[in-house]
Amino acid sequence: MKKIALSIGIFLALFIVSCEGPNGPPGPVGPEGLPGLDGIQGQVFEVEGVNFDYDSGNNVYNTVLQFSDFTSFEILDSDAVLVYRFDGQIDFDDGSTKDSWGLIPQNFFLPGGTIQYVTSHTSNDVQIFIDGNFNLANISTEFTDNQIFRVVILPSDFAANAKVDKANIDAVMRTLNLEEKDVRQLR
Protein backbone atom coordinates (compact mmCIF):
# COMPACT_ATOMS: atom_id res chain seq x y z
CA MET A 1 0.00 0.00 0.00
CA LYS A 2 2.87 2.35 0.78
CA LYS A 3 4.30 1.73 -2.72
CA ILE A 4 1.00 2.69 -4.35
CA ALA A 5 0.70 5.88 -2.27
CA LEU A 6 4.33 6.77 -3.06
CA SER A 7 3.78 6.14 -6.80
CA ILE A 8 0.65 8.31 -6.79
CA GLY A 9 2.49 11.05 -4.88
CA ILE A 10 5.39 11.06 -7.39
CA PHE A 11 2.93 11.09 -10.31
CA LEU A 12 0.99 14.03 -8.80
CA ALA A 13 4.22 15.95 -8.11
CA LEU A 14 5.42 15.49 -11.69
CA PHE A 15 1.97 16.41 -13.02
CA ILE A 16 1.80 19.63 -10.98
CA VAL A 17 5.38 20.65 -11.83
CA SER A 18 4.80 20.09 -15.56
CA CYS A 19 1.67 22.25 -15.65
CA GLU A 20 2.02 25.63 -17.24
CA GLY A 21 -0.28 28.59 -16.98
CA PRO A 22 -1.21 31.06 -19.69
CA ASN A 23 1.43 33.46 -21.01
CA GLY A 24 1.42 36.86 -19.44
CA PRO A 25 1.05 40.06 -21.43
CA PRO A 26 4.04 41.02 -23.61
CA GLY A 27 6.45 43.55 -22.17
CA PRO A 28 7.08 46.96 -23.68
CA VAL A 29 9.13 47.21 -26.86
CA GLY A 30 12.72 48.13 -26.11
CA PRO A 31 14.57 51.01 -27.77
CA GLU A 32 16.01 50.40 -31.22
CA GLY A 33 19.74 49.68 -31.15
CA LEU A 34 22.31 51.62 -33.10
CA PRO A 35 22.96 50.39 -36.64
CA GLY A 36 25.81 47.94 -36.90
CA LEU A 37 26.66 44.28 -36.85
CA ASP A 38 24.31 42.70 -34.31
CA GLY A 39 24.63 45.80 -32.14
CA ILE A 40 28.42 45.78 -32.41
CA GLN A 41 29.80 49.12 -33.56
CA GLY A 42 32.93 49.59 -35.59
CA GLN A 43 34.33 52.78 -36.99
CA VAL A 44 36.74 53.73 -39.75
CA PHE A 45 38.40 57.08 -40.29
CA GLU A 46 41.06 58.22 -42.72
CA VAL A 47 43.71 60.79 -41.92
CA GLU A 48 45.62 62.52 -44.73
CA GLY A 49 48.78 64.61 -44.53
CA VAL A 50 50.37 62.72 -41.65
CA ASN A 51 54.02 63.68 -41.10
CA PHE A 52 56.49 61.82 -38.90
CA ASP A 53 59.02 63.38 -36.52
CA TYR A 54 62.50 61.90 -36.20
CA ASP A 55 63.68 60.93 -32.71
CA SER A 56 67.47 60.72 -33.10
CA GLY A 57 67.97 59.38 -29.57
CA ASN A 58 65.93 56.28 -30.38
CA ASN A 59 66.51 56.27 -34.14
CA VAL A 60 62.78 56.10 -34.94
CA TYR A 61 60.21 58.26 -36.65
CA ASN A 62 56.86 58.61 -34.91
CA THR A 63 53.54 60.36 -35.01
CA VAL A 64 50.54 60.28 -32.68
CA LEU A 65 46.89 60.37 -33.75
CA GLN A 66 44.64 61.43 -30.87
CA PHE A 67 41.25 59.70 -31.22
CA SER A 68 39.45 62.76 -29.82
CA ASP A 69 40.70 64.77 -32.84
CA PHE A 70 38.94 62.40 -35.23
CA THR A 71 35.96 60.83 -33.50
CA SER A 72 33.58 61.06 -30.57
CA PHE A 73 33.34 57.25 -30.58
CA GLU A 74 34.41 55.79 -27.23
CA ILE A 75 37.43 53.54 -27.62
CA LEU A 76 37.93 50.96 -24.89
CA ASP A 77 41.25 49.48 -23.81
CA SER A 78 39.95 46.09 -24.95
CA ASP A 79 39.07 47.27 -28.50
CA ALA A 80 41.30 46.34 -31.41
CA VAL A 81 42.78 49.20 -33.41
CA LEU A 82 43.87 48.31 -36.93
CA VAL A 83 45.94 50.82 -38.89
CA TYR A 84 46.31 50.66 -42.68
CA ARG A 85 48.78 52.72 -44.73
CA PHE A 86 47.81 53.95 -48.18
CA ASP A 87 50.20 52.33 -50.66
CA GLY A 88 48.87 54.07 -53.79
CA GLN A 89 46.45 53.20 -56.53
CA ILE A 90 46.46 50.10 -58.67
CA ASP A 91 45.52 50.44 -62.35
CA PHE A 92 43.60 47.54 -63.89
CA ASP A 93 43.47 46.44 -67.53
CA ASP A 94 39.86 47.61 -67.84
CA GLY A 95 40.95 51.20 -67.07
CA SER A 96 39.63 51.22 -63.50
CA THR A 97 41.72 51.96 -60.43
CA LYS A 98 41.53 50.84 -56.82
CA ASP A 99 43.19 52.15 -53.67
CA SER A 100 45.72 49.79 -52.10
CA TRP A 101 45.96 49.66 -48.29
CA GLY A 102 48.59 47.75 -46.30
CA LEU A 103 47.90 46.61 -42.74
CA ILE A 104 50.58 47.72 -40.30
CA PRO A 105 53.05 46.22 -39.38
CA GLN A 106 54.44 46.74 -42.84
CA ASN A 107 58.07 46.17 -43.95
CA PHE A 108 60.11 47.86 -46.65
CA PHE A 109 63.49 46.58 -47.78
CA LEU A 110 65.73 49.49 -48.73
CA PRO A 111 69.35 49.56 -49.92
CA GLY A 112 70.54 50.56 -46.42
CA GLY A 113 68.43 47.97 -44.55
CA THR A 114 64.85 47.32 -43.49
CA ILE A 115 62.26 49.72 -42.14
CA GLN A 116 59.00 48.73 -40.53
CA TYR A 117 55.84 50.69 -39.72
CA VAL A 118 54.49 49.56 -36.34
CA THR A 119 51.74 50.82 -34.04
CA SER A 120 50.89 51.04 -30.39
CA HIS A 121 47.57 52.27 -29.02
CA THR A 122 45.70 53.22 -25.89
CA SER A 123 42.05 54.18 -25.49
CA ASN A 124 43.13 57.79 -26.23
CA ASP A 125 45.48 57.53 -29.21
CA VAL A 126 47.40 55.44 -31.67
CA GLN A 127 51.12 55.99 -32.13
CA ILE A 128 52.68 55.00 -35.44
CA PHE A 129 56.44 54.35 -35.59
CA ILE A 130 58.91 53.80 -38.37
CA ASP A 131 61.63 51.57 -36.98
CA GLY A 132 64.65 50.17 -38.79
CA ASN A 133 67.90 48.29 -38.56
CA PHE A 134 70.11 51.16 -39.79
CA ASN A 135 70.43 54.93 -39.21
CA LEU A 136 67.03 56.31 -40.27
CA ALA A 137 68.01 59.98 -40.22
CA ASN A 138 68.06 60.22 -44.01
CA ILE A 139 65.34 57.88 -45.24
CA SER A 140 63.26 59.19 -48.11
CA THR A 141 60.40 61.55 -47.30
CA GLU A 142 58.15 59.24 -49.35
CA PHE A 143 57.99 57.19 -46.11
CA THR A 144 57.78 60.05 -43.60
CA ASP A 145 55.85 62.96 -45.12
CA ASN A 146 52.26 63.45 -46.25
CA GLN A 147 51.18 59.89 -45.44
CA ILE A 148 47.57 58.64 -45.47
CA PHE A 149 46.31 56.19 -42.86
CA ARG A 150 43.00 54.48 -42.22
CA VAL A 151 42.24 53.57 -38.65
CA VAL A 152 39.65 50.87 -37.95
CA ILE A 153 38.28 50.53 -34.43
CA LEU A 154 36.97 47.01 -33.80
CA PRO A 155 35.03 46.34 -30.61
CA SER A 156 36.65 43.57 -28.58
CA ASP A 157 33.69 41.19 -29.04
CA PHE A 158 33.94 41.53 -32.81
CA ALA A 159 37.74 41.33 -32.95
CA ALA A 160 37.78 38.15 -30.85
CA ASN A 161 34.96 36.33 -32.64
CA ALA A 162 34.93 37.52 -36.26
CA LYS A 163 36.40 35.22 -38.85
CA VAL A 164 37.62 37.88 -41.24
CA ASP A 165 40.96 38.52 -42.91
CA LYS A 166 41.97 41.63 -40.99
CA ALA A 167 44.80 42.27 -43.48
CA ASN A 168 42.10 42.90 -46.12
CA ILE A 169 40.52 46.30 -45.37
CA ASP A 170 37.67 45.60 -47.82
CA ALA A 171 36.76 42.37 -45.99
CA VAL A 172 36.85 44.16 -42.61
CA MET A 173 34.61 46.94 -43.89
CA ARG A 174 32.16 44.47 -45.47
CA THR A 175 31.92 42.54 -42.22
CA LEU A 176 31.22 45.78 -40.33
CA ASN A 177 28.60 46.71 -42.97
CA LEU A 178 30.58 49.84 -43.83
CA GLU A 179 31.09 51.30 -47.29
CA GLU A 180 33.56 53.85 -48.67
CA LYS A 181 30.98 56.60 -48.06
CA ASP A 182 31.00 55.68 -44.33
CA VAL A 183 34.74 56.44 -43.95
CA ARG A 184 35.30 59.78 -42.23
CA GLN A 185 38.01 61.51 -44.25
CA LEU A 186 40.08 64.03 -42.33
CA ARG A 187 42.70 66.27 -43.80
C-alpha atoms as a PDB file:
ATOM      1  CA  MET A   1       0.000   0.000   0.000  1.00  0.00           C
ATOM      2  CA  LYS A   2       2.873   2.351   0.778  1.00  0.00           C
ATOM      3  CA  LYS A   3       4.302   1.733  -2.716  1.00  0.00           C
ATOM      4  CA  ILE A   4       0.997   2.687  -4.346  1.00  0.00           C
ATOM      5  CA  ALA A   5       0.704   5.880  -2.274  1.00  0.00           C
ATOM      6  CA  LEU A   6       4.333   6.769  -3.057  1.00  0.00           C
ATOM      7  CA  SER A   7       3.783   6.142  -6.795  1.00  0.00           C
ATOM      8  CA  ILE A   8       0.654   8.310  -6.792  1.00  0.00           C
ATOM      9  CA  GLY A   9       2.493  11.048  -4.884  1.00  0.00           C
ATOM     10  CA  ILE A  10       5.388  11.056  -7.385  1.00  0.00           C
ATOM     11  CA  PHE A  11       2.927  11.087 -10.306  1.00  0.00           C
ATOM     12  CA  LEU A  12       0.994  14.025  -8.800  1.00  0.00           C
ATOM     13  CA  ALA A  13       4.224  15.949  -8.110  1.00  0.00           C
ATOM     14  CA  LEU A  14       5.423  15.488 -11.694  1.00  0.00           C
ATOM     15  CA  PHE A  15       1.969  16.413 -13.022  1.00  0.00           C
ATOM     16  CA  ILE A  16       1.801  19.631 -10.977  1.00  0.00           C
ATOM     17  CA  VAL A  17       5.379  20.651 -11.831  1.00  0.00           C
ATOM     18  CA  SER A  18       4.797  20.092 -15.556  1.00  0.00           C
ATOM     19  CA  CYS A  19       1.666  22.251 -15.646  1.00  0.00           C
ATOM     20  CA  GLU A  20       2.021  25.627 -17.237  1.00  0.00           C
ATOM     21  CA  GLY A  21      -0.284  28.591 -16.982  1.00  0.00           C
ATOM     22  CA  PRO A  22      -1.212  31.057 -19.687  1.00  0.00           C
ATOM     23  CA  ASN A  23       1.426  33.456 -21.014  1.00  0.00           C
ATOM     24  CA  GLY A  24       1.418  36.863 -19.440  1.00  0.00           C
ATOM     25  CA  PRO A  25       1.053  40.063 -21.434  1.00  0.00           C
ATOM     26  CA  PRO A  26       4.038  41.024 -23.609  1.00  0.00           C
ATOM     27  CA  GLY A  27       6.450  43.546 -22.173  1.00  0.00           C
ATOM     28  CA  PRO A  28       7.076  46.961 -23.679  1.00  0.00           C
ATOM     29  CA  VAL A  29       9.129  47.206 -26.861  1.00  0.00           C
ATOM     30  CA  GLY A  30      12.718  48.134 -26.107  1.00  0.00           C
ATOM     31  CA  PRO A  31      14.575  51.007 -27.770  1.00  0.00           C
ATOM     32  CA  GLU A  32      16.012  50.396 -31.216  1.00  0.00           C
ATOM     33  CA  GLY A  33      19.736  49.676 -31.150  1.00  0.00           C
ATOM     34  CA  LEU A  34      22.312  51.623 -33.104  1.00  0.00           C
ATOM     35  CA  PRO A  35      22.964  50.388 -36.642  1.00  0.00           C
ATOM     36  CA  GLY A  36      25.810  47.936 -36.899  1.00  0.00           C
ATOM     37  CA  LEU A  37      26.660  44.280 -36.850  1.00  0.00           C
ATOM     38  CA  ASP A  38      24.308  42.703 -34.309  1.00  0.00           C
ATOM     39  CA  GLY A  39      24.634  45.796 -32.143  1.00  0.00           C
ATOM     40  CA  ILE A  40      28.423  45.785 -32.406  1.00  0.00           C
ATOM     41  CA  GLN A  41      29.799  49.116 -33.558  1.00  0.00           C
ATOM     42  CA  GLY A  42      32.928  49.592 -35.590  1.00  0.00           C
ATOM     43  CA  GLN A  43      34.326  52.784 -36.993  1.00  0.00           C
ATOM     44  CA  VAL A  44      36.739  53.731 -39.754  1.00  0.00           C
ATOM     45  CA  PHE A  45      38.403  57.082 -40.287  1.00  0.00           C
ATOM     46  CA  GLU A  46      41.058  58.215 -42.721  1.00  0.00           C
ATOM     47  CA  VAL A  47      43.714  60.794 -41.923  1.00  0.00           C
ATOM     48  CA  GLU A  48      45.616  62.524 -44.725  1.00  0.00           C
ATOM     49  CA  GLY A  49      48.778  64.607 -44.527  1.00  0.00           C
ATOM     50  CA  VAL A  50      50.371  62.724 -41.647  1.00  0.00           C
ATOM     51  CA  ASN A  51      54.022  63.680 -41.097  1.00  0.00           C
ATOM     52  CA  PHE A  52      56.491  61.821 -38.898  1.00  0.00           C
ATOM     53  CA  ASP A  53      59.020  63.380 -36.517  1.00  0.00           C
ATOM     54  CA  TYR A  54      62.501  61.903 -36.202  1.00  0.00           C
ATOM     55  CA  ASP A  55      63.684  60.931 -32.713  1.00  0.00           C
ATOM     56  CA  SER A  56      67.472  60.718 -33.099  1.00  0.00           C
ATOM     57  CA  GLY A  57      67.975  59.378 -29.567  1.00  0.00           C
ATOM     58  CA  ASN A  58      65.928  56.277 -30.377  1.00  0.00           C
ATOM     59  CA  ASN A  59      66.513  56.266 -34.144  1.00  0.00           C
ATOM     60  CA  VAL A  60      62.783  56.104 -34.936  1.00  0.00           C
ATOM     61  CA  TYR A  61      60.207  58.257 -36.645  1.00  0.00           C
ATOM     62  CA  ASN A  62      56.862  58.612 -34.914  1.00  0.00           C
ATOM     63  CA  THR A  63      53.541  60.363 -35.015  1.00  0.00           C
ATOM     64  CA  VAL A  64      50.538  60.275 -32.679  1.00  0.00           C
ATOM     65  CA  LEU A  65      46.889  60.367 -33.749  1.00  0.00           C
ATOM     66  CA  GLN A  66      44.637  61.425 -30.873  1.00  0.00           C
ATOM     67  CA  PHE A  67      41.247  59.697 -31.217  1.00  0.00           C
ATOM     68  CA  SER A  68      39.446  62.757 -29.818  1.00  0.00           C
ATOM     69  CA  ASP A  69      40.697  64.774 -32.835  1.00  0.00           C
ATOM     70  CA  PHE A  70      38.939  62.395 -35.234  1.00  0.00           C
ATOM     71  CA  THR A  71      35.960  60.827 -33.496  1.00  0.00           C
ATOM     72  CA  SER A  72      33.584  61.058 -30.565  1.00  0.00           C
ATOM     73  CA  PHE A  73      33.343  57.250 -30.577  1.00  0.00           C
ATOM     74  CA  GLU A  74      34.413  55.793 -27.228  1.00  0.00           C
ATOM     75  CA  ILE A  75      37.435  53.542 -27.620  1.00  0.00           C
ATOM     76  CA  LEU A  76      37.925  50.962 -24.891  1.00  0.00           C
ATOM     77  CA  ASP A  77      41.249  49.482 -23.806  1.00  0.00           C
ATOM     78  CA  SER A  78      39.953  46.091 -24.953  1.00  0.00           C
ATOM     79  CA  ASP A  79      39.072  47.271 -28.497  1.00  0.00           C
ATOM     80  CA  ALA A  80      41.295  46.340 -31.413  1.00  0.00           C
ATOM     81  CA  VAL A  81      42.779  49.201 -33.409  1.00  0.00           C
ATOM     82  CA  LEU A  82      43.868  48.313 -36.930  1.00  0.00           C
ATOM     83  CA  VAL A  83      45.938  50.823 -38.892  1.00  0.00           C
ATOM     84  CA  TYR A  84      46.306  50.663 -42.678  1.00  0.00           C
ATOM     85  CA  ARG A  85      48.783  52.718 -44.729  1.00  0.00           C
ATOM     86  CA  PHE A  86      47.815  53.955 -48.179  1.00  0.00           C
ATOM     87  CA  ASP A  87      50.201  52.332 -50.661  1.00  0.00           C
ATOM     88  CA  GLY A  88      48.873  54.069 -53.786  1.00  0.00           C
ATOM     89  CA  GLN A  89      46.455  53.199 -56.526  1.00  0.00           C
ATOM     90  CA  ILE A  90      46.459  50.098 -58.667  1.00  0.00           C
ATOM     91  CA  ASP A  91      45.520  50.441 -62.351  1.00  0.00           C
ATOM     92  CA  PHE A  92      43.604  47.545 -63.895  1.00  0.00           C
ATOM     93  CA  ASP A  93      43.472  46.437 -67.533  1.00  0.00           C
ATOM     94  CA  ASP A  94      39.857  47.614 -67.842  1.00  0.00           C
ATOM     95  CA  GLY A  95      40.954  51.204 -67.073  1.00  0.00           C
ATOM     96  CA  SER A  96      39.627  51.220 -63.498  1.00  0.00           C
ATOM     97  CA  THR A  97      41.716  51.961 -60.434  1.00  0.00           C
ATOM     98  CA  LYS A  98      41.532  50.842 -56.823  1.00  0.00           C
ATOM     99  CA  ASP A  99      43.186  52.146 -53.671  1.00  0.00           C
ATOM    100  CA  SER A 100      45.720  49.793 -52.101  1.00  0.00           C
ATOM    101  CA  TRP A 101      45.961  49.656 -48.289  1.00  0.00           C
ATOM    102  CA  GLY A 102      48.589  47.753 -46.298  1.00  0.00           C
ATOM    103  CA  LEU A 103      47.903  46.609 -42.739  1.00  0.00           C
ATOM    104  CA  ILE A 104      50.583  47.723 -40.296  1.00  0.00           C
ATOM    105  CA  PRO A 105      53.054  46.223 -39.382  1.00  0.00           C
ATOM    106  CA  GLN A 106      54.444  46.741 -42.844  1.00  0.00           C
ATOM    107  CA  ASN A 107      58.068  46.166 -43.951  1.00  0.00           C
ATOM    108  CA  PHE A 108      60.110  47.857 -46.654  1.00  0.00           C
ATOM    109  CA  PHE A 109      63.488  46.583 -47.781  1.00  0.00           C
ATOM    110  CA  LEU A 110      65.734  49.491 -48.725  1.00  0.00           C
ATOM    111  CA  PRO A 111      69.349  49.556 -49.922  1.00  0.00           C
ATOM    112  CA  GLY A 112      70.536  50.559 -46.416  1.00  0.00           C
ATOM    113  CA  GLY A 113      68.431  47.974 -44.551  1.00  0.00           C
ATOM    114  CA  THR A 114      64.853  47.316 -43.493  1.00  0.00           C
ATOM    115  CA  ILE A 115      62.264  49.722 -42.135  1.00  0.00           C
ATOM    116  CA  GLN A 116      59.000  48.731 -40.535  1.00  0.00           C
ATOM    117  CA  TYR A 117      55.836  50.690 -39.725  1.00  0.00           C
ATOM    118  CA  VAL A 118      54.494  49.556 -36.342  1.00  0.00           C
ATOM    119  CA  THR A 119      51.743  50.821 -34.044  1.00  0.00           C
ATOM    120  CA  SER A 120      50.892  51.036 -30.392  1.00  0.00           C
ATOM    121  CA  HIS A 121      47.575  52.274 -29.023  1.00  0.00           C
ATOM    122  CA  THR A 122      45.700  53.224 -25.887  1.00  0.00           C
ATOM    123  CA  SER A 123      42.051  54.182 -25.494  1.00  0.00           C
ATOM    124  CA  ASN A 124      43.131  57.792 -26.232  1.00  0.00           C
ATOM    125  CA  ASP A 125      45.475  57.533 -29.210  1.00  0.00           C
ATOM    126  CA  VAL A 126      47.395  55.444 -31.673  1.00  0.00           C
ATOM    127  CA  GLN A 127      51.122  55.989 -32.130  1.00  0.00           C
ATOM    128  CA  ILE A 128      52.684  55.000 -35.435  1.00  0.00           C
ATOM    129  CA  PHE A 129      56.435  54.352 -35.591  1.00  0.00           C
ATOM    130  CA  ILE A 130      58.911  53.804 -38.374  1.00  0.00           C
ATOM    131  CA  ASP A 131      61.629  51.568 -36.978  1.00  0.00           C
ATOM    132  CA  GLY A 132      64.654  50.165 -38.786  1.00  0.00           C
ATOM    133  CA  ASN A 133      67.903  48.292 -38.558  1.00  0.00           C
ATOM    134  CA  PHE A 134      70.106  51.164 -39.790  1.00  0.00           C
ATOM    135  CA  ASN A 135      70.429  54.926 -39.214  1.00  0.00           C
ATOM    136  CA  LEU A 136      67.027  56.306 -40.268  1.00  0.00           C
ATOM    137  CA  ALA A 137      68.009  59.978 -40.216  1.00  0.00           C
ATOM    138  CA  ASN A 138      68.058  60.222 -44.005  1.00  0.00           C
ATOM    139  CA  ILE A 139      65.336  57.878 -45.236  1.00  0.00           C
ATOM    140  CA  SER A 140      63.263  59.191 -48.114  1.00  0.00           C
ATOM    141  CA  THR A 141      60.401  61.549 -47.300  1.00  0.00           C
ATOM    142  CA  GLU A 142      58.150  59.239 -49.349  1.00  0.00           C
ATOM    143  CA  PHE A 143      57.988  57.189 -46.113  1.00  0.00           C
ATOM    144  CA  THR A 144      57.783  60.047 -43.600  1.00  0.00           C
ATOM    145  CA  ASP A 145      55.845  62.959 -45.117  1.00  0.00           C
ATOM    146  CA  ASN A 146      52.263  63.447 -46.249  1.00  0.00           C
ATOM    147  CA  GLN A 147      51.180  59.888 -45.445  1.00  0.00           C
ATOM    148  CA  ILE A 148      47.574  58.640 -45.475  1.00  0.00           C
ATOM    149  CA  PHE A 149      46.313  56.193 -42.863  1.00  0.00           C
ATOM    150  CA  ARG A 150      42.997  54.481 -42.222  1.00  0.00           C
ATOM    151  CA  VAL A 151      42.238  53.569 -38.647  1.00  0.00           C
ATOM    152  CA  VAL A 152      39.654  50.870 -37.948  1.00  0.00           C
ATOM    153  CA  ILE A 153      38.277  50.529 -34.431  1.00  0.00           C
ATOM    154  CA  LEU A 154      36.971  47.015 -33.799  1.00  0.00           C
ATOM    155  CA  PRO A 155      35.029  46.344 -30.606  1.00  0.00           C
ATOM    156  CA  SER A 156      36.653  43.575 -28.580  1.00  0.00           C
ATOM    157  CA  ASP A 157      33.694  41.192 -29.040  1.00  0.00           C
ATOM    158  CA  PHE A 158      33.941  41.529 -32.807  1.00  0.00           C
ATOM    159  CA  ALA A 159      37.740  41.326 -32.945  1.00  0.00           C
ATOM    160  CA  ALA A 160      37.782  38.151 -30.851  1.00  0.00           C
ATOM    161  CA  ASN A 161      34.961  36.334 -32.639  1.00  0.00           C
ATOM    162  CA  ALA A 162      34.927  37.516 -36.260  1.00  0.00           C
ATOM    163  CA  LYS A 163      36.403  35.223 -38.852  1.00  0.00           C
ATOM    164  CA  VAL A 164      37.617  37.882 -41.236  1.00  0.00           C
ATOM    165  CA  ASP A 165      40.960  38.517 -42.913  1.00  0.00           C
ATOM    166  CA  LYS A 166      41.975  41.635 -40.992  1.00  0.00           C
ATOM    167  CA  ALA A 167      44.802  42.266 -43.476  1.00  0.00           C
ATOM    168  CA  ASN A 168      42.104  42.902 -46.119  1.00  0.00           C
ATOM    169  CA  ILE A 169      40.518  46.295 -45.371  1.00  0.00           C
ATOM    170  CA  ASP A 170      37.673  45.597 -47.820  1.00  0.00           C
ATOM    171  CA  ALA A 171      36.760  42.373 -45.986  1.00  0.00           C
ATOM    172  CA  VAL A 172      36.854  44.161 -42.610  1.00  0.00           C
ATOM    173  CA  MET A 173      34.611  46.945 -43.888  1.00  0.00           C
ATOM    174  CA  ARG A 174      32.156  44.471 -45.475  1.00  0.00           C
ATOM    175  CA  THR A 175      31.923  42.540 -42.216  1.00  0.00           C
ATOM    176  CA  LEU A 176      31.218  45.780 -40.327  1.00  0.00           C
ATOM    177  CA  ASN A 177      28.598  46.713 -42.972  1.00  0.00           C
ATOM    178  CA  LEU A 178      30.585  49.843 -43.834  1.00  0.00           C
ATOM    179  CA  GLU A 179      31.092  51.301 -47.293  1.00  0.00           C
ATOM    180  CA  GLU A 180      33.560  53.851 -48.674  1.00  0.00           C
ATOM    181  CA  LYS A 181      30.982  56.602 -48.055  1.00  0.00           C
ATOM    182  CA  ASP A 182      31.004  55.683 -44.326  1.00  0.00           C
ATOM    183  CA  VAL A 183      34.743  56.436 -43.948  1.00  0.00           C
ATOM    184  CA  ARG A 184      35.299  59.781 -42.234  1.00  0.00           C
ATOM    185  CA  GLN A 185      38.005  61.506 -44.251  1.00  0.00           C
ATOM    186  CA  LEU A 186      40.079  64.028 -42.331  1.00  0.00           C
ATOM    187  CA  ARG A 187      42.700  66.273 -43.797  1.00  0.00           C
END
